[in-house]
Amino acid sequence: MSPGVRAEQARRTRAGIQHVALTLFAARGYDATSLQDIADELGLTKAAVYYHFPSKLELLQSICEPVYEGVTAIIERAAAQTTRSGRIDAVAEGFADLTVSRRATISVLAADPVMHGRMKAASQMSDLLDRLARVVYGDCPSPDQLFAVRAVAVLSDTISTLPALDDVEAREVLSRAVKRLLPRR
């Protein structure tokens, strides 16, 4: 087997493990799902799962990595804007797009307090939100501004309470809410 084929097979296996893990976390909860459960669901050995993810927390972090990358992209788009209003609009549109595109992941994280707590403890999100606050409001954001930026992340968690909204409606609702939440002054 060529190295390219092996690399593609490893990528597919990792993606399959992540997908099954997210599905089982949603159905059973983070604590009630073991790496053995994930391996059994995929027809793999536990060792094969460990090869790709040395711990359940590392697996959870890998599931969340695209969310972190999305927030980093939002920060970069906001930083490219020349006005505060433009930065806030970039944040609102970016968070709405990210939340809708990662609806399943965010819904599972928000619904399981244990998983949510584990991610907060090991998360990059706090640093990213601090960075976002400085991009939008300058080097010394006020407590109100810091609170508002952190509330945007919590607002994203509410996507699970809006299952009846299609993607377009959900984006519009979330974008409007973020724009109302972030102070423009």
C-alpha atoms as a PDB file:
ATOM      1  CA  MET A   1       0.000   0.000   0.000  1.00  0.00           C
ATOM      2  CA  SER A   2       1.429   3.373  -0.994  1.00  0.00           C
ATOM      3  CA  PRO A   3       2.036   6.103   1.602  1.00  0.00           C
ATOM      4  CA  GLY A   4      -0.667   8.260   0.020  1.00  0.00           C
ATOM      5  CA  VAL A   5      -3.240   5.481   0.266  1.00  0.00           C
ATOM      6  CA  ARG A   6      -2.257   4.770   3.890  1.00  0.00           C
ATOM      7  CA  ALA A   7      -2.523   8.457   4.765  1.00  0.00           C
ATOM      8  CA  GLU A   8      -5.978   8.676   3.193  1.00  0.00           C
ATOM      9  CA  GLN A   9      -7.089   5.538   5.010  1.00  0.00           C
ATOM     10  CA  ALA A  10      -5.814   6.972   8.324  1.00  0.00           C
ATOM     11  CA  ARG A  11      -7.643  10.260   7.640  1.00  0.00           C
ATOM     12  CA  ARG A  12     -10.889   8.381   6.934  1.00  0.00           C
ATOM     13  CA  THR A  13     -10.456   6.258  10.057  1.00  0.00           C
ATOM     14  CA  ARG A  14      -9.893   9.353  12.227  1.00  0.00           C
ATOM     15  CA  ALA A  15     -12.937  11.047  10.705  1.00  0.00           C
ATOM     16  CA  GLY A  16     -15.009   7.911  11.300  1.00  0.00           C
ATOM     17  CA  ILE A  17     -13.898   7.732  14.921  1.00  0.00           C
ATOM     18  CA  GLN A  18     -14.787  11.406  15.401  1.00  0.00           C
ATOM     19  CA  HIS A  19     -18.199  10.963  13.785  1.00  0.00           C
ATOM     20  CA  VAL A  20     -19.095   7.884  15.832  1.00  0.00           C
ATOM     21  CA  ALA A  21     -17.784   9.484  19.019  1.00  0.00           C
ATOM     22  CA  LEU A  22     -19.924  12.581  18.475  1.00  0.00           C
ATOM     23  CA  THR A  23     -22.969  10.391  17.763  1.00  0.00           C
ATOM     24  CA  LEU A  24     -22.400   8.286  20.892  1.00  0.00           C
ATOM     25  CA  PHE A  25     -21.658  11.351  23.038  1.00  0.00           C
ATOM     26  CA  ALA A  26     -24.987  12.803  21.889  1.00  0.00           C
ATOM     27  CA  ALA A  27     -26.895   9.574  22.587  1.00  0.00           C
ATOM     28  CA  ARG A  28     -25.239   8.404  25.810  1.00  0.00           C
ATOM     29  CA  GLY A  29     -23.281  11.362  27.150  1.00  0.00           C
ATOM     30  CA  TYR A  30     -19.547  11.872  27.315  1.00  0.00           C
ATOM     31  CA  ASP A  31     -18.945  10.041  30.602  1.00  0.00           C
ATOM     32  CA  ALA A  32     -21.094   7.057  29.609  1.00  0.00           C
ATOM     33  CA  THR A  33     -19.223   6.536  26.329  1.00  0.00           C
ATOM     34  CA  SER A  34     -15.925   4.678  26.403  1.00  0.00           C
ATOM     35  CA  LEU A  35     -13.266   4.384  23.747  1.00  0.00           C
ATOM     36  CA  GLN A  36     -14.177   0.678  23.678  1.00  0.00           C
ATOM     37  CA  ASP A  37     -17.779   1.631  22.805  1.00  0.00           C
ATOM     38  CA  ILE A  38     -16.491   3.751  19.928  1.00  0.00           C
ATOM     39  CA  ALA A  39     -14.189   0.966  18.734  1.00  0.00           C
ATOM     40  CA  ASP A  40     -17.021  -1.593  18.907  1.00  0.00           C
ATOM     41  CA  GLU A  41     -19.346   0.648  16.902  1.00  0.00           C
ATOM     42  CA  LEU A  42     -16.728   0.926  14.155  1.00  0.00           C
ATOM     43  CA  GLY A  43     -15.580  -2.686  14.256  1.00  0.00           C
ATOM     44  CA  LEU A  44     -12.101  -1.611  15.342  1.00  0.00           C
ATOM     45  CA  THR A  45      -9.932  -2.658  18.222  1.00  0.00           C
ATOM     46  CA  LYS A  46      -9.556  -0.310  21.157  1.00  0.00           C
ATOM     47  CA  ALA A  47      -5.857  -0.152  20.293  1.00  0.00           C
ATOM     48  CA  ALA A  48      -6.740   1.210  16.844  1.00  0.00           C
ATOM     49  CA  VAL A  49      -8.756   4.016  18.442  1.00  0.00           C
ATOM     50  CA  TYR A  50      -5.891   4.712  20.869  1.00  0.00           C
ATOM     51  CA  TYR A  51      -3.494   4.880  17.922  1.00  0.00           C
ATOM     52  CA  HIS A  52      -5.418   7.849  16.550  1.00  0.00           C
ATOM     53  CA  PHE A  53      -6.533   9.364  19.880  1.00  0.00           C
ATOM     54  CA  PRO A  54      -4.488   8.551  23.012  1.00  0.00           C
ATOM     55  CA  SER A  55      -7.360   9.652  25.278  1.00  0.00           C
ATOM     56  CA  LYS A  56     -11.061  10.413  25.157  1.00  0.00           C
ATOM     57  CA  LEU A  57     -10.319  14.063  25.978  1.00  0.00           C
ATOM     58  CA  GLU A  58      -7.931  14.290  23.001  1.00  0.00           C
ATOM     59  CA  LEU A  59     -10.675  12.818  20.820  1.00  0.00           C
ATOM     60  CA  LEU A  60     -13.115  15.429  22.115  1.00  0.00           C
ATOM     61  CA  GLN A  61     -10.584  18.193  21.498  1.00  0.00           C
ATOM     62  CA  SER A  62     -10.074  16.977  17.929  1.00  0.00           C
ATOM     63  CA  ILE A  63     -13.835  17.146  17.357  1.00  0.00           C
ATOM     64  CA  CYS A  64     -13.771  20.749  18.575  1.00  0.00           C
ATOM     65  CA  GLU A  65     -10.671  21.809  16.618  1.00  0.00           C
ATOM     66  CA  PRO A  66     -12.674  22.967  13.565  1.00  0.00           C
ATOM     67  CA  VAL A  67     -14.675  25.242  15.897  1.00  0.00           C
ATOM     68  CA  TYR A  68     -11.458  26.770  17.252  1.00  0.00           C
ATOM     69  CA  GLU A  69     -10.160  27.209  13.704  1.00  0.00           C
ATOM     70  CA  GLY A  70     -13.443  28.884  12.779  1.00  0.00           C
ATOM     71  CA  VAL A  71     -13.194  31.335  15.674  1.00  0.00           C
ATOM     72  CA  THR A  72      -9.609  32.117  14.669  1.00  0.00           C
ATOM     73  CA  ALA A  73     -10.816  32.893  11.130  1.00  0.00           C
ATOM     74  CA  ILE A  74     -13.542  35.150  12.566  1.00  0.00           C
ATOM     75  CA  ILE A  75     -10.917  37.025  14.569  1.00  0.00           C
ATOM     76  CA  GLU A  76      -8.780  37.477  11.451  1.00  0.00           C
ATOM     77  CA  ARG A  77     -11.752  38.758   9.404  1.00  0.00           C
ATOM     78  CA  ALA A  78     -12.745  41.151  12.192  1.00  0.00           C
ATOM     79  CA  ALA A  79      -9.168  42.414  12.533  1.00  0.00           C
ATOM     80  CA  ALA A  80      -9.133  43.254   8.823  1.00  0.00           C
ATOM     81  CA  GLN A  81     -12.047  45.692   9.268  1.00  0.00           C
ATOM     82  CA  THR A  82     -11.231  49.368   9.718  1.00  0.00           C
ATOM     83  CA  THR A  83     -14.147  50.320  11.982  1.00  0.00           C
ATOM     84  CA  ARG A  84     -15.601  48.888  15.164  1.00  0.00           C
ATOM     85  CA  SER A  85     -18.957  48.572  13.450  1.00  0.00           C
ATOM     86  CA  GLY A  86     -17.319  46.600  10.650  1.00  0.00           C
ATOM     87  CA  ARG A  87     -15.541  44.375  13.156  1.00  0.00           C
ATOM     88  CA  ILE A  88     -18.814  43.688  14.990  1.00  0.00           C
ATOM     89  CA  ASP A  89     -20.570  42.872  11.719  1.00  0.00           C
ATOM     90  CA  ALA A  90     -17.733  40.488  10.806  1.00  0.00           C
ATOM     91  CA  VAL A  91     -18.045  38.797  14.215  1.00  0.00           C
ATOM     92  CA  ALA A  92     -21.840  38.529  13.916  1.00  0.00           C
ATOM     93  CA  GLU A  93     -21.755  37.033  10.433  1.00  0.00           C
ATOM     94  CA  GLY A  94     -18.820  34.785  11.283  1.00  0.00           C
ATOM     95  CA  PHE A  95     -20.349  33.383  14.453  1.00  0.00           C
ATOM     96  CA  ALA A  96     -23.675  32.831  12.724  1.00  0.00           C
ATOM     97  CA  ASP A  97     -21.989  30.960   9.865  1.00  0.00           C
ATOM     98  CA  LEU A  98     -19.759  28.930  12.190  1.00  0.00           C
ATOM     99  CA  THR A  99     -22.585  28.027  14.537  1.00  0.00           C
ATOM    100  CA  VAL A 100     -24.846  26.856  11.739  1.00  0.00           C
ATOM    101  CA  SER A 101     -22.101  24.954   9.903  1.00  0.00           C
ATOM    102  CA  ARG A 102     -21.060  23.197  13.129  1.00  0.00           C
ATOM    103  CA  ARG A 103     -24.588  22.868  14.515  1.00  0.00           C
ATOM    104  CA  ALA A 104     -24.265  19.170  15.432  1.00  0.00           C
ATOM    105  CA  THR A 105     -20.963  19.569  17.269  1.00  0.00           C
ATOM    106  CA  ILE A 106     -22.046  22.693  19.134  1.00  0.00           C
ATOM    107  CA  SER A 107     -25.408  21.172  20.076  1.00  0.00           C
ATOM    108  CA  VAL A 108     -23.767  18.078  21.537  1.00  0.00           C
ATOM    109  CA  LEU A 109     -21.216  20.138  23.472  1.00  0.00           C
ATOM    110  CA  ALA A 110     -23.881  22.452  24.847  1.00  0.00           C
ATOM    111  CA  ALA A 111     -26.252  19.637  25.818  1.00  0.00           C
ATOM    112  CA  ASP A 112     -23.799  17.599  27.891  1.00  0.00           C
ATOM    113  CA  PRO A 113     -22.645  19.567  30.957  1.00  0.00           C
ATOM    114  CA  VAL A 114     -19.841  17.098  31.692  1.00  0.00           C
ATOM    115  CA  MET A 115     -18.448  17.380  28.178  1.00  0.00           C
ATOM    116  CA  HIS A 116     -18.929  21.149  28.184  1.00  0.00           C
ATOM    117  CA  GLY A 117     -17.036  21.354  31.481  1.00  0.00           C
ATOM    118  CA  ARG A 118     -14.201  19.161  30.231  1.00  0.00           C
ATOM    119  CA  MET A 119     -13.831  21.324  27.141  1.00  0.00           C
ATOM    120  CA  LYS A 120     -13.842  24.534  29.179  1.00  0.00           C
ATOM    121  CA  ALA A 121     -11.080  23.147  31.375  1.00  0.00           C
ATOM    122  CA  ALA A 122      -8.910  22.133  28.416  1.00  0.00           C
ATOM    123  CA  SER A 123     -10.103  24.706  25.946  1.00  0.00           C
ATOM    124  CA  GLN A 124      -8.483  27.299  23.767  1.00  0.00           C
ATOM    125  CA  MET A 125     -11.814  29.101  23.594  1.00  0.00           C
ATOM    126  CA  SER A 126     -11.161  31.385  26.569  1.00  0.00           C
ATOM    127  CA  ASP A 127      -7.939  32.679  24.998  1.00  0.00           C
ATOM    128  CA  LEU A 128      -9.646  33.072  21.629  1.00  0.00           C
ATOM    129  CA  LEU A 129     -12.493  35.092  23.158  1.00  0.00           C
ATOM    130  CA  ASP A 130     -10.036  37.348  25.001  1.00  0.00           C
ATOM    131  CA  ARG A 131      -8.234  37.910  21.702  1.00  0.00           C
ATOM    132  CA  LEU A 132     -11.532  38.631  19.959  1.00  0.00           C
ATOM    133  CA  ALA A 133     -12.463  41.212  22.605  1.00  0.00           C
ATOM    134  CA  ARG A 134      -9.140  43.014  22.043  1.00  0.00           C
ATOM    135  CA  VAL A 135      -9.607  42.955  18.264  1.00  0.00           C
ATOM    136  CA  VAL A 136     -13.107  44.426  18.485  1.00  0.00           C
ATOM    137  CA  TYR A 137     -12.624  46.839  21.409  1.00  0.00           C
ATOM    138  CA  GLY A 138      -8.898  47.563  21.673  1.00  0.00           C
ATOM    139  CA  ASP A 139      -6.231  46.556  24.151  1.00  0.00           C
ATOM    140  CA  CYS A 140      -8.292  47.322  27.270  1.00  0.00           C
ATOM    141  CA  PRO A 141     -11.888  46.198  26.733  1.00  0.00           C
ATOM    142  CA  SER A 142     -14.292  47.172  29.496  1.00  0.00           C
ATOM    143  CA  PRO A 143     -15.919  44.524  31.676  1.00  0.00           C
ATOM    144  CA  ASP A 144     -19.170  45.060  29.726  1.00  0.00           C
ATOM    145  CA  GLN A 145     -17.365  44.493  26.434  1.00  0.00           C
ATOM    146  CA  LEU A 146     -15.590  41.372  27.733  1.00  0.00           C
ATOM    147  CA  PHE A 147     -18.878  40.005  29.037  1.00  0.00           C
ATOM    148  CA  ALA A 148     -20.616  40.663  25.721  1.00  0.00           C
ATOM    149  CA  VAL A 149     -17.921  38.843  23.723  1.00  0.00           C
ATOM    150  CA  ARG A 150     -18.097  35.831  26.050  1.00  0.00           C
ATOM    151  CA  ALA A 151     -21.887  35.888  25.797  1.00  0.00           C
ATOM    152  CA  VAL A 152     -21.552  35.503  22.022  1.00  0.00           C
ATOM    153  CA  ALA A 153     -19.987  32.077  22.591  1.00  0.00           C
ATOM    154  CA  VAL A 154     -22.814  31.121  24.948  1.00  0.00           C
ATOM    155  CA  LEU A 155     -25.306  32.396  22.390  1.00  0.00           C
ATOM    156  CA  SER A 156     -23.837  29.915  19.907  1.00  0.00           C
ATOM    157  CA  ASP A 157     -24.675  27.134  22.365  1.00  0.00           C
ATOM    158  CA  THR A 158     -28.372  27.984  22.000  1.00  0.00           C
ATOM    159  CA  ILE A 159     -28.461  26.649  18.435  1.00  0.00           C
ATOM    160  CA  SER A 160     -29.744  23.362  19.865  1.00  0.00           C
ATOM    161  CA  THR A 161     -32.867  25.194  21.075  1.00  0.00           C
ATOM    162  CA  LEU A 162     -33.685  26.208  17.498  1.00  0.00           C
ATOM    163  CA  PRO A 163     -33.987  22.859  15.675  1.00  0.00           C
ATOM    164  CA  ALA A 164     -36.980  23.977  13.621  1.00  0.00           C
ATOM    165  CA  LEU A 165     -35.048  26.804  11.969  1.00  0.00           C
ATOM    166  CA  ASP A 166     -33.416  26.008   8.661  1.00  0.00           C
ATOM    167  CA  ASP A 167     -29.827  27.138   8.140  1.00  0.00           C
ATOM    168  CA  VAL A 168     -30.748  30.459   6.501  1.00  0.00           C
ATOM    169  CA  GLU A 169     -33.174  31.421   9.282  1.00  0.00           C
ATOM    170  CA  ALA A 170     -30.778  30.278  12.007  1.00  0.00           C
ATOM    171  CA  ARG A 171     -27.968  32.390  10.496  1.00  0.00           C
ATOM    172  CA  GLU A 172     -30.209  35.456  10.377  1.00  0.00           C
ATOM    173  CA  VAL A 173     -31.445  35.022  13.960  1.00  0.00           C
ATOM    174  CA  LEU A 174     -27.945  34.442  15.326  1.00  0.00           C
ATOM    175  CA  SER A 175     -26.405  37.313  13.374  1.00  0.00           C
ATOM    176  CA  ARG A 176     -29.059  39.761  14.607  1.00  0.00           C
ATOM    177  CA  ALA A 177     -28.646  38.548  18.189  1.00  0.00           C
ATOM    178  CA  VAL A 178     -24.854  38.969  18.121  1.00  0.00           C
ATOM    179  CA  LYS A 179     -25.169  42.466  16.643  1.00  0.00           C
ATOM    180  CA  ARG A 180     -27.594  43.432  19.418  1.00  0.00           C
ATOM    181  CA  LEU A 181     -25.363  41.902  22.072  1.00  0.00           C
ATOM    182  CA  LEU A 182     -22.052  43.558  21.189  1.00  0.00           C
ATOM    183  CA  PRO A 183     -21.828  47.242  22.193  1.00  0.00           C
ATOM    184  CA  ARG A 184     -20.805  49.454  19.284  1.00  0.00           C
ATOM    185  CA  ARG A 185     -19.475  52.280  21.455  1.00  0.00           C
END
